[in-house]
Protein backbone atom coordinates (compact mmCIF):
# COMPACT_ATOMS: atom_id res chain seq x y z
CA ARG A 1 13.42 29.49 63.19
CA LEU A 2 11.74 28.49 59.94
CA LEU A 3 11.06 32.11 59.01
CA LEU A 4 14.65 33.12 59.78
CA ASP A 5 15.99 30.29 57.61
CA ILE A 6 13.77 31.33 54.72
CA VAL A 7 14.79 34.99 55.00
CA LEU A 8 18.52 34.16 55.16
CA LEU A 9 18.24 31.77 52.24
CA ALA A 10 16.36 34.35 50.16
CA LEU A 11 19.04 36.97 50.90
CA LEU A 12 21.84 34.57 49.95
CA LEU A 13 20.13 33.62 46.71
CA ALA A 14 19.49 37.27 45.81
CA LEU A 15 23.10 38.22 46.57
CA SER A 16 24.44 35.29 44.55
CA GLU A 17 22.36 36.34 41.53
CA HIS A 18 23.40 40.01 41.60
CA LEU A 19 26.94 40.00 43.05
CA ARG A 20 28.58 40.81 39.73
CA ASP A 21 26.16 43.71 39.22
CA PHE A 22 27.08 45.15 42.62
CA ALA A 23 30.81 44.50 42.18
CA GLY A 24 31.12 46.40 38.91
CA GLU A 25 33.97 45.74 36.51
CA ALA A 26 36.28 42.78 37.03
CA THR A 27 40.02 43.21 37.52
CA LYS A 28 41.51 44.36 34.21
CA ARG A 29 44.48 42.17 33.36
CA GLY A 30 47.12 42.99 30.82
CA PHE A 31 48.49 40.76 28.05
CA TYR A 32 51.36 40.11 25.66
CA CYS A 33 50.63 40.53 21.97
CA ASP A 34 52.27 37.18 21.20
CA ASP A 35 50.26 35.23 23.81
CA GLU A 36 48.95 32.31 21.76
CA SER A 37 46.58 31.19 24.53
CA LEU A 38 44.43 34.28 23.82
CA MET A 39 44.33 33.92 20.02
CA TYR A 40 41.46 31.44 19.62
CA PRO A 41 38.35 32.36 17.60
CA TYR A 42 35.08 33.29 19.24
CA LYS A 43 32.46 30.53 19.01
CA ASP A 44 28.88 30.10 20.17
CA ASN A 45 28.12 27.99 23.23
CA THR A 46 27.63 24.26 22.81
CA VAL A 47 25.82 24.32 26.16
CA SER A 48 23.80 27.53 26.36
CA PRO A 49 23.18 29.26 29.70
CA ASP A 50 19.51 28.25 29.54
CA LEU A 51 20.38 24.59 28.96
CA LEU A 52 22.94 24.76 31.76
CA HIS A 53 20.29 26.01 34.20
CA TRP A 54 17.89 23.24 33.17
CA LEU A 55 20.53 20.53 33.61
CA SER A 56 22.22 21.83 36.75
CA PHE A 57 19.43 23.56 38.66
CA TYR A 58 15.88 22.85 37.53
CA LEU A 59 16.41 19.13 36.88
CA PRO A 60 17.91 18.39 40.34
CA LEU A 61 15.35 20.69 41.95
CA ALA A 62 12.41 18.90 40.35
CA ALA A 63 13.89 15.46 41.04
CA ILE A 64 14.43 16.29 44.72
CA VAL A 65 10.87 17.57 45.15
CA LEU A 66 9.30 14.57 43.43
CA LEU A 67 11.50 11.83 44.90
CA GLU A 68 11.59 13.23 48.42
CA SER A 69 7.83 13.83 48.42
CA TYR A 70 7.21 10.27 47.27
CA ARG A 71 9.62 8.91 49.87
CA CYS A 72 7.91 10.87 52.64
CA TRP A 73 4.50 9.71 51.42
CA THR A 74 5.48 6.04 51.38
CA ARG A 75 7.09 6.23 54.82
CA CYS A 76 4.25 8.14 56.43
CA ARG A 77 1.17 6.70 54.74
CA ALA A 78 0.55 4.51 57.79
CA ALA A 79 0.44 7.53 60.11
CA ALA A 80 -2.85 7.96 61.94
CA THR A 81 -3.19 11.67 61.10
CA ALA A 82 -2.05 13.65 58.08
CA SER A 83 0.15 16.68 58.66
CA TRP A 84 2.40 18.95 56.66
CA LEU A 85 5.17 17.87 59.03
CA HIS A 86 5.22 14.57 57.16
CA TYR A 87 6.82 16.47 54.28
CA TRP A 88 9.33 18.39 56.36
CA PRO A 89 12.27 16.45 54.84
CA VAL A 90 11.35 17.92 51.43
CA TYR A 91 11.98 21.41 52.77
CA ASN A 92 15.16 20.29 54.55
CA THR A 93 16.67 18.80 51.40
CA LEU A 94 15.68 21.79 49.26
CA ARG A 95 17.10 24.18 51.84
CA TRP A 96 20.50 22.51 51.66
CA PHE A 97 20.45 22.32 47.88
CA LEU A 98 19.57 26.01 47.51
CA PHE A 99 22.10 27.05 50.14
CA GLY A 100 24.82 25.17 48.27
CA HIS A 101 23.72 26.73 44.98
CA ALA A 102 24.04 30.21 46.50
CA ALA A 103 27.43 29.38 48.07
CA GLU A 104 28.79 28.00 44.79
CA SER A 105 27.60 31.07 42.89
CA LEU A 106 29.06 33.52 45.41
CA LEU A 107 32.47 31.82 45.53
CA LYS A 108 32.57 31.53 41.74
CA ASP A 109 31.61 35.14 41.00
CA MET A 110 33.92 36.51 43.69
CA SER A 111 36.83 34.60 42.13
CA LYS A 112 35.94 35.80 38.64
CA GLN A 113 35.78 39.44 39.71
CA LEU A 114 39.03 39.38 41.67
CA ILE A 115 41.19 37.36 39.27
CA GLY A 116 39.99 38.80 35.96
CA ARG A 117 41.64 36.22 33.72
CA LEU A 118 41.23 36.81 29.99
CA ARG A 119 39.37 34.26 27.91
CA PRO A 120 41.04 32.30 25.09
CA HIS A 121 39.09 34.32 22.47
CA PHE A 122 40.21 37.68 23.93
CA PHE A 123 42.00 39.00 20.83
CA ASP A 124 39.21 37.96 18.45
CA LEU A 125 36.41 39.44 20.54
CA CYS A 126 38.10 42.53 21.95
CA GLN A 127 40.53 43.54 19.16
CA PRO A 128 42.48 45.63 21.67
CA ARG A 129 43.73 49.08 20.75
CA LEU A 130 46.99 49.75 22.58
CA ALA A 131 48.10 52.89 24.41
CA ASP A 132 49.91 54.25 21.31
CA GLY A 133 46.82 53.75 19.15
CA GLY A 134 48.22 50.68 17.43
CA PHE A 135 47.12 47.05 17.40
CA CYS A 136 48.83 43.77 18.16
CA SER A 137 48.76 42.97 14.44
CA ASP A 138 51.04 45.96 13.72
CA GLU A 139 54.64 45.19 12.88
CA GLN A 140 56.10 46.95 15.92
CA HIS A 141 53.89 45.01 18.35
CA ARG A 142 53.75 41.60 16.68
CA ALA A 143 56.93 40.29 18.27
CA GLY A 144 55.55 40.74 21.78
CA GLY A 145 57.80 41.15 24.79
CA ILE A 146 55.79 44.06 26.21
CA TYR A 147 53.07 43.56 28.80
CA HIS A 148 50.21 45.87 27.84
CA THR A 149 47.98 47.07 30.67
CA VAL A 150 46.53 50.18 29.01
CA TYR A 151 44.21 49.28 26.16
CA SER A 152 40.62 49.51 24.97
CA CYS A 153 38.48 47.16 22.92
CA SER A 154 37.81 48.38 19.37
CA SER A 155 35.37 45.68 18.25
CA ASN A 156 31.62 46.08 17.82
CA ALA A 157 30.83 43.36 20.35
CA SER A 158 28.19 44.10 22.97
CA ALA A 159 29.13 45.57 26.33
CA LYS A 160 28.09 42.33 28.02
CA LEU A 161 30.44 40.23 25.88
CA LEU A 162 33.31 42.68 26.36
CA ARG A 163 32.78 42.61 30.11
CA ASP A 164 32.53 38.83 30.07
CA VAL A 165 35.87 38.44 28.29
CA HIS A 166 37.64 39.33 31.57
CA VAL A 167 36.11 36.59 33.75
CA SER A 168 37.54 33.32 32.48
CA PHE A 169 38.65 31.88 35.84
CA PRO A 170 37.04 29.75 37.13
CA SER A 171 34.65 28.26 34.60
CA GLY A 172 31.13 29.18 35.70
CA HIS A 173 29.50 26.51 33.52
CA SER A 174 31.73 23.80 34.99
CA SER A 175 31.23 24.96 38.56
CA MET A 176 27.44 25.11 38.31
CA ALA A 177 27.19 21.81 36.44
CA PHE A 178 29.37 19.92 38.89
CA TYR A 179 27.58 21.38 41.90
CA GLY A 180 24.06 20.55 40.76
CA LEU A 181 24.79 17.16 39.23
CA VAL A 182 27.22 15.92 41.89
CA PHE A 183 24.67 16.92 44.53
CA MET A 184 22.08 14.95 42.58
CA ALA A 185 24.38 11.93 42.35
CA LEU A 186 24.99 12.01 46.10
CA TYR A 187 21.28 12.46 46.80
CA LEU A 188 20.51 9.35 44.76
CA GLN A 189 22.70 7.43 47.20
CA THR A 190 20.05 7.99 49.88
CA LEU A 191 17.26 6.36 47.88
CA ARG A 192 16.11 2.75 47.80
CA LEU A 193 15.77 1.90 44.11
CA PRO A 194 14.23 -1.21 42.50
CA SER A 195 17.41 -2.21 40.63
CA THR A 196 20.95 -2.58 41.95
CA LEU A 197 22.33 -0.98 38.78
CA LEU A 198 19.81 1.84 38.44
CA ARG A 199 21.48 4.04 41.05
CA PRO A 200 25.08 3.79 39.71
CA VAL A 201 23.84 4.26 36.15
CA CYS A 202 21.97 7.44 37.12
CA GLN A 203 24.97 8.66 39.11
CA LEU A 204 27.28 7.99 36.16
CA LEU A 205 24.89 9.93 33.94
CA CYS A 206 24.97 12.90 36.33
CA VAL A 207 28.77 12.99 36.49
CA GLY A 208 29.05 12.38 32.74
CA LEU A 209 26.76 15.32 31.97
CA ALA A 210 28.80 17.57 34.26
CA ALA A 211 32.02 16.44 32.58
CA PHE A 212 30.53 17.08 29.13
CA VAL A 213 29.62 20.64 30.13
CA GLY A 214 33.18 21.25 31.32
CA LEU A 215 34.78 19.76 28.21
CA SER A 216 32.50 21.80 25.96
CA ARG A 217 33.90 24.99 27.46
CA VAL A 218 37.39 24.06 26.29
CA MET A 219 36.13 22.96 22.86
CA ASP A 220 34.28 26.27 22.43
CA TYR A 221 37.38 28.28 23.47
CA LYS A 222 35.40 29.86 26.29
CA HIS A 223 37.91 28.81 28.94
CA HIS A 224 41.44 27.59 29.43
CA TRP A 225 41.65 23.98 30.61
CA SER A 226 42.79 25.13 34.06
CA ASP A 227 39.64 27.28 34.37
CA VAL A 228 37.50 24.18 33.79
CA VAL A 229 39.47 22.10 36.29
CA ALA A 230 39.15 24.83 38.93
CA GLY A 231 35.43 25.30 38.28
CA SER A 232 34.78 21.57 38.42
CA LEU A 233 36.65 21.22 41.71
CA LEU A 234 34.81 24.22 43.16
CA GLY A 235 31.36 22.90 42.26
CA ALA A 236 32.08 19.34 43.37
CA SER A 237 33.67 20.52 46.63
CA VAL A 238 30.67 22.66 47.53
CA ALA A 239 28.33 19.75 46.76
CA LEU A 240 30.36 17.39 48.96
CA ALA A 241 30.54 19.92 51.80
CA VAL A 242 26.81 20.63 51.69
CA VAL A 243 25.82 16.96 51.59
CA ARG A 244 28.24 16.21 54.41
CA GLY A 245 26.74 19.01 56.50
CA ALA A 246 23.24 17.79 55.73
CA ALA A 247 24.13 14.20 56.61
CA GLN A 248 25.61 15.27 59.93
CA GLN A 249 22.28 16.87 60.81
CA HIS A 250 20.33 13.83 59.58
CA ARG A 251 18.86 15.61 56.58
CA LEU A 252 20.23 13.25 53.92
CA ARG A 253 20.90 9.90 55.53
CA PRO A 254 22.35 6.92 53.63
CA GLN A 255 19.97 4.02 53.11
CA ALA A 256 22.54 1.77 54.78
CA SER A 257 21.68 3.34 58.13
CA VAL A 258 18.13 2.03 57.70
CA GLU A 259 19.20 -1.35 56.39
CA ALA A 260 21.52 -1.81 59.36
CA ALA A 261 18.64 -1.78 61.84
CA PRO A 262 18.79 -4.43 64.61
CA ALA A 263 17.09 -7.74 63.89
CA ALA A 264 14.61 -7.23 66.71
CA VAL A 265 13.37 -4.07 65.04
CA VAL A 266 13.28 -5.59 61.56
CA GLU A 267 10.99 -8.30 62.89
CA ALA A 268 8.40 -5.61 63.65
CA PRO A 269 7.86 -3.89 60.28
CA GLU A 270 4.92 -1.80 61.41
CA GLN A 271 6.92 -0.35 64.29
CA LEU A 272 9.87 0.27 61.97
CA THR A 273 7.65 2.17 59.53
CA HIS A 274 6.29 4.28 62.37
CA ASP A 275 9.83 4.98 63.66
CA LEU A 276 11.04 6.02 60.22
CA CYS A 277 8.05 8.32 59.89
CA GLU A 278 8.81 9.93 63.23
CA VAL A 279 12.49 10.42 62.34
CA ALA A 280 11.67 11.87 58.93
CA CYS A 281 8.99 14.19 60.17
CA HIS A 282 10.89 15.55 63.16
CA SER A 283 14.51 15.39 61.97
CA SER A 284 14.80 19.17 62.19
CA ASN A 285 14.51 18.98 65.95
């Protein structure tokens, strides 16, 4: 069972990383020459892809490993014998996080390829040459009114940028940021923290960072506002669905379920610690 889970997860992650390579070119949409929503200048990213991965993937991943390992260690330190099973919840939580990451990426890239919406900086980056050899800046085309579906890009931009100009919907930055950071905010809800305000402050920081990433995509003219809204909803929805599925299988359980233990059990702290250890170590069963 463990081996099968690992193989399936590895396949999903590999597919999510290379789906756009397998799928080829995205749907090629047409445009009107007077479409002002496509006339914004091309700008560099405020949040680079590398920074996005650190904020939305590596940071939650490292936090989950460290916090879950510490939680398992504190719950199981009274166990008579040491076993790798004591750290089984670390694997469980990571499995759900990585599964959700793959699901978010697959849904996002599939939508991008099928919809093929043009980015706000389309005219600046592509400089489309129309079917008659003219450009939108020419007098006969400036007024618009004609939907152009046959065109080619005449700019010197790289092939990657020209391919990327057709995949505006939904916002990939927003989707990835909201998945990773909303998952992290929900995971923090399962932890017992030393301060009553520490958890909501950390959760607010997670959601605020995700919102900043989304807003930066509009400010940089990388996406239309509706692309960002759709990407944010996609990422947050996947995070909620994954955490809900994990909670139903007792992978990520709210701390309230522990705090609501019967008084008779609370009066026996050693037994409670042992019970928590048993639940944590064998929750996969």
